[in-house]
Amino acid sequence: MASYRHEVADGNFDSACERLARAPHSCAERMEEARHRLDEDAIERLQEAEVSDVRIRGDTATARADEETFDLRRIDGEWRVE
């Protein structure tokens, strides 16, 4: 999950979209548009977020990154953001 947040913050949208369990066809374009609306402080918070409180239940999990909780799903052995 930390890699996903870093990829978004760094503008690597194609790679970030590959980490999603279900990415729409225009995923990278939408992420790019959203990133342009972020100020530098928000981008820095994405890059520095601490992942904690990971709870795994089979092929699903939740993880906290700062104030947000993310749902994850294991697909073909890799964790994807729901």
N, C-alpha and C. Protein backbone atom coordinates (compact mmCIF):
# COMPACT_ATOMS: atom_id res chain seq x y z
N MET A 1 0.81 -1.18 0.00
CA MET A 1 0.00 0.00 0.00
C MET A 1 0.86 1.25 0.00
N ALA A 2 1.99 1.21 0.68
CA ALA A 2 2.88 2.36 0.69
C ALA A 2 3.37 2.64 -0.73
N SER A 3 3.66 1.60 -1.49
CA SER A 3 4.10 1.79 -2.88
C SER A 3 3.02 2.49 -3.69
N TYR A 4 1.78 2.10 -3.50
CA TYR A 4 0.66 2.72 -4.21
C TYR A 4 0.62 4.22 -3.92
N ARG A 5 0.72 4.59 -2.66
CA ARG A 5 0.65 6.01 -2.28
C ARG A 5 1.85 6.77 -2.86
N HIS A 6 3.03 6.16 -2.87
CA HIS A 6 4.21 6.82 -3.44
C HIS A 6 4.05 6.99 -4.94
N GLU A 7 3.51 5.97 -5.62
CA GLU A 7 3.32 6.08 -7.06
C GLU A 7 2.36 7.20 -7.41
N VAL A 8 1.29 7.36 -6.64
CA VAL A 8 0.36 8.46 -6.88
C VAL A 8 1.07 9.79 -6.66
N ALA A 9 1.77 9.91 -5.54
CA ALA A 9 2.46 11.16 -5.22
C ALA A 9 3.53 11.50 -6.25
N ASP A 10 4.19 10.49 -6.80
CA ASP A 10 5.26 10.71 -7.77
C ASP A 10 4.76 10.84 -9.20
N GLY A 11 3.46 10.65 -9.39
CA GLY A 11 2.90 10.79 -10.74
C GLY A 11 3.03 9.54 -11.59
N ASN A 12 3.30 8.39 -10.99
CA ASN A 12 3.39 7.12 -11.72
C ASN A 12 2.01 6.46 -11.75
N PHE A 13 1.10 7.07 -12.50
CA PHE A 13 -0.30 6.68 -12.44
C PHE A 13 -0.59 5.32 -13.06
N ASP A 14 0.09 4.97 -14.15
CA ASP A 14 -0.14 3.65 -14.73
C ASP A 14 0.22 2.56 -13.74
N SER A 15 1.36 2.72 -13.07
CA SER A 15 1.79 1.73 -12.08
C SER A 15 0.83 1.71 -10.89
N ALA A 16 0.38 2.88 -10.45
CA ALA A 16 -0.57 2.94 -9.33
C ALA A 16 -1.87 2.24 -9.69
N CYS A 17 -2.33 2.44 -10.91
CA CYS A 17 -3.59 1.80 -11.33
C CYS A 17 -3.46 0.29 -11.37
N GLU A 18 -2.28 -0.22 -11.68
CA GLU A 18 -2.07 -1.67 -11.69
C GLU A 18 -2.23 -2.26 -10.30
N ARG A 19 -2.09 -1.45 -9.28
CA ARG A 19 -2.22 -1.93 -7.90
C ARG A 19 -3.66 -1.90 -7.40
N LEU A 20 -4.58 -1.44 -8.22
CA LEU A 20 -5.99 -1.41 -7.83
C LEU A 20 -6.66 -2.72 -8.21
N ALA A 21 -7.56 -3.17 -7.35
CA ALA A 21 -8.27 -4.41 -7.63
C ALA A 21 -9.17 -4.25 -8.86
N ARG A 22 -9.79 -3.11 -8.99
CA ARG A 22 -10.67 -2.82 -10.13
C ARG A 22 -10.40 -1.40 -10.60
N ALA A 23 -9.63 -1.26 -11.64
CA ALA A 23 -9.28 0.06 -12.15
C ALA A 23 -10.09 0.35 -13.41
N PRO A 24 -10.74 1.51 -13.47
CA PRO A 24 -11.45 1.87 -14.70
C PRO A 24 -10.45 2.13 -15.82
N HIS A 25 -10.93 2.10 -17.06
CA HIS A 25 -10.04 2.30 -18.21
C HIS A 25 -9.33 3.64 -18.15
N SER A 26 -9.95 4.63 -17.60
CA SER A 26 -9.35 5.97 -17.55
C SER A 26 -8.68 6.25 -16.21
N CYS A 27 -8.29 5.22 -15.50
CA CYS A 27 -7.74 5.36 -14.16
C CYS A 27 -6.56 6.32 -14.11
N ALA A 28 -5.55 6.10 -14.94
CA ALA A 28 -4.35 6.94 -14.89
C ALA A 28 -4.67 8.39 -15.20
N GLU A 29 -5.57 8.63 -16.14
CA GLU A 29 -5.95 10.00 -16.48
C GLU A 29 -6.65 10.67 -15.30
N ARG A 30 -7.53 9.93 -14.65
CA ARG A 30 -8.24 10.49 -13.48
C ARG A 30 -7.27 10.79 -12.34
N MET A 31 -6.32 9.89 -12.11
CA MET A 31 -5.34 10.14 -11.05
C MET A 31 -4.49 11.36 -11.36
N GLU A 32 -4.09 11.50 -12.60
CA GLU A 32 -3.28 12.65 -12.99
C GLU A 32 -4.04 13.95 -12.75
N GLU A 33 -5.30 13.97 -13.14
CA GLU A 33 -6.13 15.16 -12.91
C GLU A 33 -6.25 15.46 -11.42
N ALA A 34 -6.46 14.43 -10.61
CA ALA A 34 -6.59 14.61 -9.17
C ALA A 34 -5.29 15.11 -8.56
N ARG A 35 -4.16 14.56 -9.00
CA ARG A 35 -2.86 14.95 -8.44
C ARG A 35 -2.58 16.43 -8.71
N HIS A 36 -2.99 16.92 -9.87
CA HIS A 36 -2.76 18.33 -10.19
C HIS A 36 -3.50 19.27 -9.26
N ARG A 37 -4.52 18.75 -8.59
CA ARG A 37 -5.28 19.57 -7.64
C ARG A 37 -4.67 19.56 -6.24
N LEU A 38 -3.66 18.70 -6.01
CA LEU A 38 -3.02 18.61 -4.70
C LEU A 38 -1.94 19.67 -4.55
N ASP A 39 -1.85 20.23 -3.35
CA ASP A 39 -0.74 21.15 -3.08
C ASP A 39 0.48 20.33 -2.64
N GLU A 40 1.61 20.97 -2.53
CA GLU A 40 2.86 20.27 -2.19
C GLU A 40 2.78 19.57 -0.83
N ASP A 41 2.08 20.18 0.14
CA ASP A 41 1.94 19.55 1.46
C ASP A 41 1.19 18.22 1.36
N ALA A 42 0.13 18.19 0.56
CA ALA A 42 -0.64 16.95 0.39
C ALA A 42 0.20 15.87 -0.29
N ILE A 43 0.99 16.26 -1.28
CA ILE A 43 1.86 15.30 -1.96
C ILE A 43 2.90 14.74 -0.99
N GLU A 44 3.46 15.62 -0.16
CA GLU A 44 4.44 15.17 0.83
C GLU A 44 3.82 14.21 1.83
N ARG A 45 2.58 14.49 2.25
CA ARG A 45 1.89 13.58 3.19
C ARG A 45 1.67 12.21 2.55
N LEU A 46 1.36 12.17 1.26
CA LEU A 46 1.21 10.89 0.57
C LEU A 46 2.51 10.10 0.61
N GLN A 47 3.61 10.78 0.36
CA GLN A 47 4.91 10.11 0.31
C GLN A 47 5.38 9.65 1.68
N GLU A 48 5.01 10.36 2.72
CA GLU A 48 5.53 10.07 4.06
C GLU A 48 4.56 9.31 4.95
N ALA A 49 3.41 8.95 4.44
CA ALA A 49 2.40 8.28 5.26
C ALA A 49 2.93 6.97 5.83
N GLU A 50 2.66 6.75 7.09
CA GLU A 50 3.06 5.52 7.78
C GLU A 50 1.91 4.53 7.70
N VAL A 51 2.18 3.36 7.20
CA VAL A 51 1.19 2.29 7.14
C VAL A 51 1.21 1.54 8.47
N SER A 52 0.03 1.36 9.05
CA SER A 52 -0.05 0.70 10.35
C SER A 52 -1.35 -0.08 10.45
N ASP A 53 -1.49 -0.78 11.54
CA ASP A 53 -2.72 -1.49 11.87
C ASP A 53 -3.22 -2.33 10.70
N VAL A 54 -2.35 -3.17 10.16
CA VAL A 54 -2.71 -4.05 9.05
C VAL A 54 -3.42 -5.27 9.63
N ARG A 55 -4.59 -5.57 9.09
CA ARG A 55 -5.37 -6.72 9.54
C ARG A 55 -5.72 -7.59 8.34
N ILE A 56 -5.18 -8.79 8.32
CA ILE A 56 -5.37 -9.71 7.20
C ILE A 56 -6.38 -10.78 7.58
N ARG A 57 -7.33 -11.00 6.67
CA ARG A 57 -8.34 -12.05 6.83
C ARG A 57 -8.42 -12.80 5.49
N GLY A 58 -7.60 -13.85 5.37
CA GLY A 58 -7.58 -14.61 4.11
C GLY A 58 -7.01 -13.76 2.99
N ASP A 59 -7.83 -13.55 1.95
CA ASP A 59 -7.40 -12.76 0.80
C ASP A 59 -7.88 -11.32 0.85
N THR A 60 -8.38 -10.87 2.00
CA THR A 60 -8.74 -9.47 2.18
C THR A 60 -8.01 -8.92 3.39
N ALA A 61 -7.88 -7.60 3.42
CA ALA A 61 -7.19 -6.96 4.53
C ALA A 61 -7.61 -5.50 4.61
N THR A 62 -7.31 -4.90 5.74
CA THR A 62 -7.43 -3.45 5.89
C THR A 62 -6.09 -2.95 6.42
N ALA A 63 -5.79 -1.72 6.09
CA ALA A 63 -4.56 -1.09 6.58
C ALA A 63 -4.82 0.39 6.74
N ARG A 64 -4.21 0.98 7.77
CA ARG A 64 -4.34 2.42 7.99
C ARG A 64 -3.08 3.10 7.49
N ALA A 65 -3.27 4.25 6.88
CA ALA A 65 -2.17 5.12 6.48
C ALA A 65 -2.57 6.51 6.95
N ASP A 66 -1.92 6.95 8.00
CA ASP A 66 -2.29 8.19 8.68
C ASP A 66 -3.75 8.11 9.10
N GLU A 67 -4.59 8.96 8.58
CA GLU A 67 -5.99 9.03 9.03
C GLU A 67 -6.93 8.18 8.18
N GLU A 68 -6.44 7.55 7.13
CA GLU A 68 -7.29 6.80 6.21
C GLU A 68 -7.16 5.30 6.43
N THR A 69 -8.25 4.58 6.21
CA THR A 69 -8.23 3.12 6.22
C THR A 69 -8.51 2.64 4.81
N PHE A 70 -7.69 1.70 4.34
CA PHE A 70 -7.81 1.17 3.00
C PHE A 70 -8.20 -0.29 3.06
N ASP A 71 -9.10 -0.69 2.16
CA ASP A 71 -9.45 -2.09 1.98
C ASP A 71 -8.54 -2.65 0.91
N LEU A 72 -8.02 -3.84 1.16
CA LEU A 72 -7.10 -4.49 0.23
C LEU A 72 -7.62 -5.87 -0.13
N ARG A 73 -7.24 -6.35 -1.32
CA ARG A 73 -7.60 -7.70 -1.75
C ARG A 73 -6.37 -8.32 -2.41
N ARG A 74 -6.10 -9.58 -2.06
CA ARG A 74 -4.98 -10.29 -2.68
C ARG A 74 -5.47 -10.93 -3.98
N ILE A 75 -4.81 -10.55 -5.08
CA ILE A 75 -5.15 -11.07 -6.40
C ILE A 75 -3.87 -11.61 -7.02
N ASP A 76 -3.88 -12.88 -7.37
CA ASP A 76 -2.70 -13.54 -7.95
C ASP A 76 -1.46 -13.31 -7.10
N GLY A 77 -1.64 -13.36 -5.77
CA GLY A 77 -0.51 -13.26 -4.84
C GLY A 77 -0.06 -11.85 -4.51
N GLU A 78 -0.68 -10.84 -5.10
CA GLU A 78 -0.30 -9.45 -4.84
C GLU A 78 -1.46 -8.70 -4.21
N TRP A 79 -1.14 -7.82 -3.25
CA TRP A 79 -2.17 -7.02 -2.60
C TRP A 79 -2.53 -5.84 -3.47
N ARG A 80 -3.85 -5.63 -3.65
CA ARG A 80 -4.38 -4.53 -4.46
C ARG A 80 -5.30 -3.68 -3.60
N VAL A 81 -5.32 -2.40 -3.87
CA VAL A 81 -6.23 -1.48 -3.17
C VAL A 81 -7.61 -1.63 -3.78
N GLU A 82 -8.62 -1.81 -2.93
CA GLU A 82 -10.01 -1.93 -3.41
C GLU A 82 -10.55 -0.59 -3.82
